[in-house]
Amino acid sequence: MTPGPENALLRPYEGHAGFLWVRRGLPLLLASLSGGAALLVPAWRGWFVLAAAAFFGVAWPTFKRGEAYLRARPAILRFDTFLVRGLRPLARILGREDAWILSFCGWNNLRVRAAFQAPKSRRTLILLPHCVQAAHCRADVFADLQNCYACGLCSVEDVMKGVLERRWEVSITNRSYKAYREARAYRPDLVVAVSCTDRLLKGLAKLSEVPAYVLPLALPRGMCVDTTFDFAALQAAMEALADPRPPAGVMPLGRIGAA
């Protein structure tokens, strides 16, 4: 990957050691043990060789990169999300449910970023949940993001600047199915999505045909109320993955009426 300042900003969202150990490390370990058993137990050699080949086949998709990864991505995600969901109850018992899901998301992010190093995405859609808007705000940002009052009380103002200054395409929705529908209608090369961990997992499974770089929400007041996210990481993801676009116009003056 090309080194750059955005890499440092994105690194916390690409942590994947836990998921990769299960997804790649465990099958390779079992393949090695099966290969060793084939040498030690000649009578069962054929079965152990078949087992070693099967375990290696399970691990093989984790080595795909670039175009090969993007072509195989829907099938890869079907298996990976099945694995994440299958082990989720155990992770919950161990108090590591969110960490387990985010480890999977980090592995997804790392591979998507590698796939879009060159060429970058020419048609990128940002998906945001409604709860990033201040709960008391009356601005109708669903109809038009430029209805934002630019009061600085939530992250929507920063996103609006991205729309105006960098011509980002952004959709803010209050239902997951609407986000999926809009993403399919827009037909992007890439989605950059922000949501809570549970919805990130659901979105990666539901929109497996569209490469997605995902960022988690912070929930300072619980689910779906005044949530926040790392806007610097969103900006870094757009700079790293999407072709830059010329400014659309001048930033409007802030408007009164947020409270």
C-alpha atoms as a PDB file:
ATOM      1  CA  MET A   1       0.000   0.000   0.000  1.00  0.00           C
ATOM      2  CA  THR A   2       1.114   3.539  -0.689  1.00  0.00           C
ATOM      3  CA  PRO A   3       2.156   5.236   2.557  1.00  0.00           C
ATOM      4  CA  GLY A   4       0.337   8.444   3.375  1.00  0.00           C
ATOM      5  CA  PRO A   5      -1.130  10.451   6.252  1.00  0.00           C
ATOM      6  CA  GLU A   6      -4.544   8.878   5.701  1.00  0.00           C
ATOM      7  CA  ASN A   7      -3.092   5.442   6.483  1.00  0.00           C
ATOM      8  CA  ALA A   8      -2.408   6.398  10.098  1.00  0.00           C
ATOM      9  CA  LEU A   9      -5.959   7.742  10.490  1.00  0.00           C
ATOM     10  CA  LEU A  10      -7.475   4.573   9.070  1.00  0.00           C
ATOM     11  CA  ARG A  11      -5.269   2.074  10.888  1.00  0.00           C
ATOM     12  CA  PRO A  12      -7.511   1.845  14.018  1.00  0.00           C
ATOM     13  CA  TYR A  13     -10.397   0.809  11.741  1.00  0.00           C
ATOM     14  CA  GLU A  14      -8.391  -1.946  10.067  1.00  0.00           C
ATOM     15  CA  GLY A  15      -7.467  -3.979  13.164  1.00  0.00           C
ATOM     16  CA  HIS A  16      -8.240  -7.571  12.265  1.00  0.00           C
ATOM     17  CA  ALA A  17      -5.971  -9.930  14.230  1.00  0.00           C
ATOM     18  CA  GLY A  18      -8.753 -11.782  16.073  1.00  0.00           C
ATOM     19  CA  PHE A  19     -10.851 -12.483  13.005  1.00  0.00           C
ATOM     20  CA  LEU A  20      -7.886 -13.360  10.792  1.00  0.00           C
ATOM     21  CA  TRP A  21      -6.562 -15.859  13.317  1.00  0.00           C
ATOM     22  CA  VAL A  22      -9.880 -17.712  13.199  1.00  0.00           C
ATOM     23  CA  ARG A  23     -10.488 -17.245   9.473  1.00  0.00           C
ATOM     24  CA  ARG A  24      -6.987 -18.036   8.195  1.00  0.00           C
ATOM     25  CA  GLY A  25      -4.782 -19.150  11.078  1.00  0.00           C
ATOM     26  CA  LEU A  26      -7.008 -21.934  12.384  1.00  0.00           C
ATOM     27  CA  PRO A  27      -7.582 -23.623   8.982  1.00  0.00           C
ATOM     28  CA  LEU A  28      -3.864 -23.420   8.160  1.00  0.00           C
ATOM     29  CA  LEU A  29      -3.029 -24.934  11.553  1.00  0.00           C
ATOM     30  CA  LEU A  30      -5.477 -27.787  10.927  1.00  0.00           C
ATOM     31  CA  ALA A  31      -4.063 -28.238   7.403  1.00  0.00           C
ATOM     32  CA  SER A  32      -0.548 -28.522   8.857  1.00  0.00           C
ATOM     33  CA  LEU A  33      -1.672 -31.027  11.485  1.00  0.00           C
ATOM     34  CA  SER A  34      -3.460 -33.090   8.837  1.00  0.00           C
ATOM     35  CA  GLY A  35      -0.347 -33.047   6.647  1.00  0.00           C
ATOM     36  CA  GLY A  36       1.769 -34.197   9.560  1.00  0.00           C
ATOM     37  CA  ALA A  37      -0.714 -36.950  10.363  1.00  0.00           C
ATOM     38  CA  ALA A  38      -0.536 -38.125   6.736  1.00  0.00           C
ATOM     39  CA  LEU A  39       3.193 -38.681   7.155  1.00  0.00           C
ATOM     40  CA  LEU A  40       2.849 -40.435  10.498  1.00  0.00           C
ATOM     41  CA  VAL A  41      -0.153 -42.659   9.729  1.00  0.00           C
ATOM     42  CA  PRO A  42       0.334 -44.223   6.267  1.00  0.00           C
ATOM     43  CA  ALA A  43      -2.856 -46.293   6.529  1.00  0.00           C
ATOM     44  CA  TRP A  44      -4.978 -43.133   6.665  1.00  0.00           C
ATOM     45  CA  ARG A  45      -2.752 -41.004   4.428  1.00  0.00           C
ATOM     46  CA  GLY A  46      -5.358 -40.404   1.730  1.00  0.00           C
ATOM     47  CA  TRP A  47      -7.963 -39.125   4.185  1.00  0.00           C
ATOM     48  CA  PHE A  48      -5.491 -36.867   5.946  1.00  0.00           C
ATOM     49  CA  VAL A  49      -4.283 -35.445   2.605  1.00  0.00           C
ATOM     50  CA  LEU A  50      -7.890 -34.714   1.641  1.00  0.00           C
ATOM     51  CA  ALA A  51      -8.459 -33.043   5.007  1.00  0.00           C
ATOM     52  CA  ALA A  52      -5.314 -30.934   4.588  1.00  0.00           C
ATOM     53  CA  ALA A  53      -6.443 -29.849   1.115  1.00  0.00           C
ATOM     54  CA  ALA A  54      -9.917 -28.977   2.418  1.00  0.00           C
ATOM     55  CA  PHE A  55      -8.567 -26.868   5.293  1.00  0.00           C
ATOM     56  CA  PHE A  56      -6.181 -25.081   2.935  1.00  0.00           C
ATOM     57  CA  GLY A  57      -9.099 -24.435   0.591  1.00  0.00           C
ATOM     58  CA  VAL A  58     -10.991 -22.777   3.437  1.00  0.00           C
ATOM     59  CA  ALA A  59      -8.048 -20.440   4.084  1.00  0.00           C
ATOM     60  CA  TRP A  60      -7.228 -19.746   0.419  1.00  0.00           C
ATOM     61  CA  PRO A  61      -9.781 -16.904  -0.168  1.00  0.00           C
ATOM     62  CA  THR A  62      -8.075 -14.848   2.541  1.00  0.00           C
ATOM     63  CA  PHE A  63      -5.046 -14.516   0.249  1.00  0.00           C
ATOM     64  CA  LYS A  64      -6.974 -12.981  -2.660  1.00  0.00           C
ATOM     65  CA  ARG A  65      -6.142  -9.348  -3.448  1.00  0.00           C
ATOM     66  CA  GLY A  66      -7.130  -6.596  -5.848  1.00  0.00           C
ATOM     67  CA  GLU A  67      -9.414  -7.513  -8.742  1.00  0.00           C
ATOM     68  CA  ALA A  68      -9.371 -11.195  -7.794  1.00  0.00           C
ATOM     69  CA  TYR A  69     -10.707 -10.273  -4.355  1.00  0.00           C
ATOM     70  CA  LEU A  70     -13.395  -7.939  -5.730  1.00  0.00           C
ATOM     71  CA  ARG A  71     -14.648 -10.600  -8.163  1.00  0.00           C
ATOM     72  CA  ALA A  72     -14.862 -13.208  -5.404  1.00  0.00           C
ATOM     73  CA  ARG A  73     -16.086 -10.788  -2.726  1.00  0.00           C
ATOM     74  CA  PRO A  74     -19.798 -11.816  -2.624  1.00  0.00           C
ATOM     75  CA  ALA A  75     -18.899 -15.477  -2.072  1.00  0.00           C
ATOM     76  CA  ILE A  76     -16.163 -14.555   0.407  1.00  0.00           C
ATOM     77  CA  LEU A  77     -18.541 -12.386   2.430  1.00  0.00           C
ATOM     78  CA  ARG A  78     -21.211 -15.079   2.503  1.00  0.00           C
ATOM     79  CA  PHE A  79     -18.771 -17.423   4.194  1.00  0.00           C
ATOM     80  CA  ASP A  80     -17.177 -14.769   6.409  1.00  0.00           C
ATOM     81  CA  THR A  81     -20.446 -13.321   7.710  1.00  0.00           C
ATOM     82  CA  PHE A  82     -21.729 -16.853   8.381  1.00  0.00           C
ATOM     83  CA  LEU A  83     -18.584 -17.453  10.455  1.00  0.00           C
ATOM     84  CA  VAL A  84     -18.950 -14.141  12.317  1.00  0.00           C
ATOM     85  CA  ARG A  85     -22.578 -14.836  13.158  1.00  0.00           C
ATOM     86  CA  GLY A  86     -21.857 -18.419  14.107  1.00  0.00           C
ATOM     87  CA  LEU A  87     -19.228 -17.423  16.662  1.00  0.00           C
ATOM     88  CA  ARG A  88     -21.040 -14.298  17.836  1.00  0.00           C
ATOM     89  CA  PRO A  89     -22.808 -16.021  20.782  1.00  0.00           C
ATOM     90  CA  LEU A  90     -19.457 -17.259  22.080  1.00  0.00           C
ATOM     91  CA  ALA A  91     -17.969 -13.777  21.687  1.00  0.00           C
ATOM     92  CA  ARG A  92     -20.946 -12.368  23.615  1.00  0.00           C
ATOM     93  CA  ILE A  93     -20.384 -14.817  26.472  1.00  0.00           C
ATOM     94  CA  LEU A  94     -16.718 -13.775  26.585  1.00  0.00           C
ATOM     95  CA  GLY A  95     -17.679 -10.085  26.596  1.00  0.00           C
ATOM     96  CA  ARG A  96     -16.026  -9.563  23.184  1.00  0.00           C
ATOM     97  CA  GLU A  97     -19.032  -9.298  20.860  1.00  0.00           C
ATOM     98  CA  ASP A  98     -18.317  -5.819  19.486  1.00  0.00           C
ATOM     99  CA  ALA A  99     -14.580  -6.531  19.302  1.00  0.00           C
ATOM    100  CA  TRP A 100     -15.275  -9.690  17.279  1.00  0.00           C
ATOM    101  CA  ILE A 101     -17.532  -7.883  14.780  1.00  0.00           C
ATOM    102  CA  LEU A 102     -15.138  -4.931  14.485  1.00  0.00           C
ATOM    103  CA  SER A 103     -12.233  -7.301  13.893  1.00  0.00           C
ATOM    104  CA  PHE A 104     -14.151  -8.705  10.924  1.00  0.00           C
ATOM    105  CA  CYS A 105     -14.930  -5.160   9.758  1.00  0.00           C
ATOM    106  CA  GLY A 106     -11.238  -4.260  10.060  1.00  0.00           C
ATOM    107  CA  TRP A 107     -10.247  -7.209   7.861  1.00  0.00           C
ATOM    108  CA  ASN A 108     -12.873  -6.131   5.327  1.00  0.00           C
ATOM    109  CA  ASN A 109     -11.564  -2.551   5.408  1.00  0.00           C
ATOM    110  CA  LEU A 110      -7.956  -3.571   4.899  1.00  0.00           C
ATOM    111  CA  ARG A 111      -8.793  -5.621   1.823  1.00  0.00           C
ATOM    112  CA  VAL A 112     -11.096  -3.001   0.334  1.00  0.00           C
ATOM    113  CA  ARG A 113      -8.477  -0.298   0.777  1.00  0.00           C
ATOM    114  CA  ALA A 114      -5.868  -2.508  -0.894  1.00  0.00           C
ATOM    115  CA  ALA A 115      -8.255  -3.130  -3.814  1.00  0.00           C
ATOM    116  CA  PHE A 116      -8.847   0.601  -4.385  1.00  0.00           C
ATOM    117  CA  GLN A 117      -5.270   1.841  -4.167  1.00  0.00           C
ATOM    118  CA  ALA A 118      -5.112   1.989  -7.959  1.00  0.00           C
ATOM    119  CA  PRO A 119      -7.350   2.739  -9.647  1.00  0.00           C
ATOM    120  CA  LYS A 120      -9.434   4.568  -7.084  1.00  0.00           C
ATOM    121  CA  SER A 121     -13.209   4.499  -7.031  1.00  0.00           C
ATOM    122  CA  ARG A 122     -14.795   6.904  -9.505  1.00  0.00           C
ATOM    123  CA  ARG A 123     -18.311   6.555  -8.113  1.00  0.00           C
ATOM    124  CA  THR A 124     -18.428   6.544  -4.308  1.00  0.00           C
ATOM    125  CA  LEU A 125     -21.466   6.799  -2.057  1.00  0.00           C
ATOM    126  CA  ILE A 126     -21.317   7.714   1.640  1.00  0.00           C
ATOM    127  CA  LEU A 127     -24.079   6.178   3.766  1.00  0.00           C
ATOM    128  CA  LEU A 128     -24.877   7.770   7.137  1.00  0.00           C
ATOM    129  CA  PRO A 129     -27.565   6.958   9.729  1.00  0.00           C
ATOM    130  CA  HIS A 130     -30.068   9.613  10.796  1.00  0.00           C
ATOM    131  CA  CYS A 131     -28.818   9.533  14.399  1.00  0.00           C
ATOM    132  CA  VAL A 132     -25.648  11.496  13.542  1.00  0.00           C
ATOM    133  CA  GLN A 133     -27.918  14.561  13.372  1.00  0.00           C
ATOM    134  CA  ALA A 134     -28.545  16.279  16.724  1.00  0.00           C
ATOM    135  CA  ALA A 135     -31.798  14.888  18.127  1.00  0.00           C
ATOM    136  CA  HIS A 136     -33.343  18.329  18.673  1.00  0.00           C
ATOM    137  CA  CYS A 137     -32.386  19.681  15.230  1.00  0.00           C
ATOM    138  CA  ARG A 138     -35.216  20.668  12.873  1.00  0.00           C
ATOM    139  CA  ALA A 139     -33.142  20.835   9.674  1.00  0.00           C
ATOM    140  CA  ASP A 140     -34.532  18.524   6.983  1.00  0.00           C
ATOM    141  CA  VAL A 141     -31.235  16.947   5.988  1.00  0.00           C
ATOM    142  CA  PHE A 142     -33.053  13.886   4.637  1.00  0.00           C
ATOM    143  CA  ALA A 143     -34.454  15.923   1.763  1.00  0.00           C
ATOM    144  CA  ASP A 144     -31.256  17.905   1.146  1.00  0.00           C
ATOM    145  CA  LEU A 145     -28.044  17.884   3.144  1.00  0.00           C
ATOM    146  CA  GLN A 146     -27.610  21.588   2.418  1.00  0.00           C
ATOM    147  CA  ASN A 147     -30.597  22.245   4.672  1.00  0.00           C
ATOM    148  CA  CYS A 148     -28.118  21.791   7.528  1.00  0.00           C
ATOM    149  CA  TYR A 149     -27.995  24.895   9.769  1.00  0.00           C
ATOM    150  CA  ALA A 150     -24.182  24.656  10.049  1.00  0.00           C
ATOM    151  CA  CYS A 151     -24.435  25.219  13.813  1.00  0.00           C
ATOM    152  CA  GLY A 152     -21.521  22.935  14.690  1.00  0.00           C
ATOM    153  CA  LEU A 153     -23.550  20.830  17.155  1.00  0.00           C
ATOM    154  CA  CYS A 154     -23.198  17.577  15.200  1.00  0.00           C
ATOM    155  CA  SER A 155     -21.155  16.001  12.427  1.00  0.00           C
ATOM    156  CA  VAL A 156     -23.635  16.807   9.662  1.00  0.00           C
ATOM    157  CA  GLU A 157     -22.027  20.217   9.111  1.00  0.00           C
ATOM    158  CA  ASP A 158     -18.652  18.575   8.429  1.00  0.00           C
ATOM    159  CA  VAL A 159     -20.258  16.167   5.984  1.00  0.00           C
ATOM    160  CA  MET A 160     -22.047  19.052   4.244  1.00  0.00           C
ATOM    161  CA  LYS A 161     -18.679  20.762   3.751  1.00  0.00           C
ATOM    162  CA  GLY A 162     -17.455  17.583   2.099  1.00  0.00           C
ATOM    163  CA  VAL A 163     -20.455  17.667  -0.213  1.00  0.00           C
ATOM    164  CA  LEU A 164     -19.849  21.279  -1.183  1.00  0.00           C
ATOM    165  CA  GLU A 165     -16.072  21.355  -1.252  1.00  0.00           C
ATOM    166  CA  ARG A 166     -15.319  17.844  -2.542  1.00  0.00           C
ATOM    167  CA  ARG A 167     -18.626  16.917  -4.238  1.00  0.00           C
ATOM    168  CA  TRP A 168     -19.225  13.887  -2.058  1.00  0.00           C
ATOM    169  CA  GLU A 169     -22.358  11.878  -2.751  1.00  0.00           C
ATOM    170  CA  VAL A 170     -24.061  11.318   0.621  1.00  0.00           C
ATOM    171  CA  SER A 171     -27.242   9.589   1.694  1.00  0.00           C
ATOM    172  CA  ILE A 172     -28.664   9.963   5.218  1.00  0.00           C
ATOM    173  CA  THR A 173     -31.415   7.473   6.005  1.00  0.00           C
ATOM    174  CA  ASN A 174     -33.399   6.327   9.030  1.00  0.00           C
ATOM    175  CA  ARG A 175     -33.855   2.705   7.958  1.00  0.00           C
ATOM    176  CA  SER A 176     -31.319   0.110   6.843  1.00  0.00           C
ATOM    177  CA  TYR A 177     -33.461  -1.117   3.950  1.00  0.00           C
ATOM    178  CA  LYS A 178     -33.617   2.430   2.566  1.00  0.00           C
ATOM    179  CA  ALA A 179     -29.830   2.651   2.649  1.00  0.00           C
ATOM    180  CA  TYR A 180     -29.534  -0.644   0.767  1.00  0.00           C
ATOM    181  CA  ARG A 181     -32.130   0.460  -1.777  1.00  0.00           C
ATOM    182  CA  GLU A 182     -30.414   3.787  -2.405  1.00  0.00           C
ATOM    183  CA  ALA A 183     -27.020   2.132  -2.700  1.00  0.00           C
ATOM    184  CA  ARG A 184     -28.293  -0.309  -5.311  1.00  0.00           C
ATOM    185  CA  ALA A 185     -30.067   2.478  -7.213  1.00  0.00           C
ATOM    186  CA  TYR A 186     -26.928   4.647  -7.239  1.00  0.00           C
ATOM    187  CA  ARG A 187     -24.762   1.702  -8.381  1.00  0.00           C
ATOM    188  CA  PRO A 188     -21.512   2.887  -6.783  1.00  0.00           C
ATOM    189  CA  ASP A 189     -18.069   1.404  -7.255  1.00  0.00           C
ATOM    190  CA  LEU A 190     -17.597   1.804  -3.507  1.00  0.00           C
ATOM    191  CA  VAL A 191     -19.652   2.560  -0.402  1.00  0.00           C
ATOM    192  CA  VAL A 192     -18.197   4.258   2.663  1.00  0.00           C
ATOM    193  CA  ALA A 193     -20.661   3.504   5.447  1.00  0.00           C
ATOM    194  CA  VAL A 194     -21.021   4.660   9.049  1.00  0.00           C
ATOM    195  CA  SER A 195     -23.216   2.761  11.496  1.00  0.00           C
ATOM    196  CA  CYS A 196     -23.313   0.826  14.765  1.00  0.00           C
ATOM    197  CA  THR A 197     -21.463  -2.490  14.812  1.00  0.00           C
ATOM    198  CA  ASP A 198     -24.562  -4.651  14.437  1.00  0.00           C
ATOM    199  CA  ARG A 199     -25.719  -2.698  11.356  1.00  0.00           C
ATOM    200  CA  LEU A 200     -22.224  -2.771   9.858  1.00  0.00           C
ATOM    201  CA  LEU A 201     -22.291  -6.560   9.959  1.00  0.00           C
ATOM    202  CA  LYS A 202     -25.808  -6.631   8.536  1.00  0.00           C
ATOM    203  CA  GLY A 203     -24.893  -4.177   5.773  1.00  0.00           C
ATOM    204  CA  LEU A 204     -21.796  -6.103   4.693  1.00  0.00           C
ATOM    205  CA  ALA A 205     -23.935  -9.232   4.421  1.00  0.00           C
ATOM    206  CA  LYS A 206     -26.859  -7.549   2.620  1.00  0.00           C
ATOM    207  CA  LEU A 207     -24.732  -5.505   0.169  1.00  0.00           C
ATOM    208  CA  SER A 208     -22.029  -8.056  -0.497  1.00  0.00           C
ATOM    209  CA  GLU A 209     -22.011  -7.155  -4.194  1.00  0.00           C
ATOM    210  CA  VAL A 210     -20.836  -3.586  -3.423  1.00  0.00           C
ATOM    211  CA  PRO A 211     -17.357  -3.075  -1.884  1.00  0.00           C
ATOM    212  CA  ALA A 212     -17.752  -1.153   1.362  1.00  0.00           C
ATOM    213  CA  TYR A 213     -15.353   0.558   3.755  1.00  0.00           C
ATOM    214  CA  VAL A 214     -17.101   0.786   7.129  1.00  0.00           C
ATOM    215  CA  LEU A 215     -16.668   3.015  10.182  1.00  0.00           C
ATOM    216  CA  PRO A 216     -18.364   2.467  13.560  1.00  0.00           C
ATOM    217  CA  LEU A 217     -20.482   4.930  15.474  1.00  0.00           C
ATOM    218  CA  ALA A 218     -19.785   6.059  19.021  1.00  0.00           C
ATOM    219  CA  LEU A 219     -22.908   5.885  21.212  1.00  0.00           C
ATOM    220  CA  PRO A 220     -22.455   8.420  24.027  1.00  0.00           C
ATOM    221  CA  ARG A 221     -26.193   8.482  24.806  1.00  0.00           C
ATOM    222  CA  GLY A 222     -27.144   4.969  23.790  1.00  0.00           C
ATOM    223  CA  MET A 223     -28.522   3.650  20.537  1.00  0.00           C
ATOM    224  CA  CYS A 224     -29.818   6.037  17.871  1.00  0.00           C
ATOM    225  CA  VAL A 225     -29.549   9.302  19.842  1.00  0.00           C
ATOM    226  CA  ASP A 226     -26.894  11.960  19.179  1.00  0.00           C
ATOM    227  CA  THR A 227     -24.350   9.449  17.933  1.00  0.00           C
ATOM    228  CA  THR A 228     -20.922  10.533  16.749  1.00  0.00           C
ATOM    229  CA  PHE A 229     -18.220   9.175  14.475  1.00  0.00           C
ATOM    230  CA  ASP A 230     -14.654   9.914  13.464  1.00  0.00           C
ATOM    231  CA  PHE A 231     -15.077  12.446  10.668  1.00  0.00           C
ATOM    232  CA  ALA A 232     -11.302  12.608  10.120  1.00  0.00           C
ATOM    233  CA  ALA A 233     -11.345   8.875   9.358  1.00  0.00           C
ATOM    234  CA  LEU A 234     -14.251   9.345   6.935  1.00  0.00           C
ATOM    235  CA  GLN A 235     -12.326  12.095   5.156  1.00  0.00           C
ATOM    236  CA  ALA A 236      -9.170   9.956   5.118  1.00  0.00           C
ATOM    237  CA  ALA A 237     -11.101   7.032   3.625  1.00  0.00           C
ATOM    238  CA  MET A 238     -12.463   9.252   0.862  1.00  0.00           C
ATOM    239  CA  GLU A 239      -9.002  10.644   0.131  1.00  0.00           C
ATOM    240  CA  ALA A 240      -7.447   7.176   0.076  1.00  0.00           C
ATOM    241  CA  LEU A 241     -10.128   5.356  -1.916  1.00  0.00           C
ATOM    242  CA  ALA A 242     -12.064   7.821  -4.079  1.00  0.00           C
ATOM    243  CA  ASP A 243     -10.922   9.915  -7.018  1.00  0.00           C
ATOM    244  CA  PRO A 244     -10.901  13.603  -6.035  1.00  0.00           C
ATOM    245  CA  ARG A 245     -13.568  15.801  -7.607  1.00  0.00           C
ATOM    246  CA  PRO A 246     -13.426  19.576  -8.136  1.00  0.00           C
ATOM    247  CA  PRO A 247     -15.353  21.814  -5.698  1.00  0.00           C
ATOM    248  CA  ALA A 248     -19.032  22.342  -6.437  1.00  0.00           C
ATOM    249  CA  GLY A 249     -19.296  25.874  -5.091  1.00  0.00           C
ATOM    250  CA  VAL A 250     -18.870  28.170  -2.118  1.00  0.00           C
ATOM    251  CA  MET A 251     -19.667  27.135   1.425  1.00  0.00           C
ATOM    252  CA  PRO A 252     -22.920  28.852   2.556  1.00  0.00           C
ATOM    253  CA  LEU A 253     -23.171  30.938   5.699  1.00  0.00           C
ATOM    254  CA  GLY A 254     -24.492  29.217   8.794  1.00  0.00           C
ATOM    255  CA  ARG A 255     -28.214  29.524   9.443  1.00  0.00           C
ATOM    256  CA  ILE A 256     -30.091  29.996  12.667  1.00  0.00           C
ATOM    257  CA  GLY A 257     -32.651  27.461  13.828  1.00  0.00           C
ATOM    258  CA  ALA A 258     -30.905  24.364  15.150  1.00  0.00           C
ATOM    259  CA  ALA A 259     -32.410  24.533  18.616  1.00  0.00           C
END
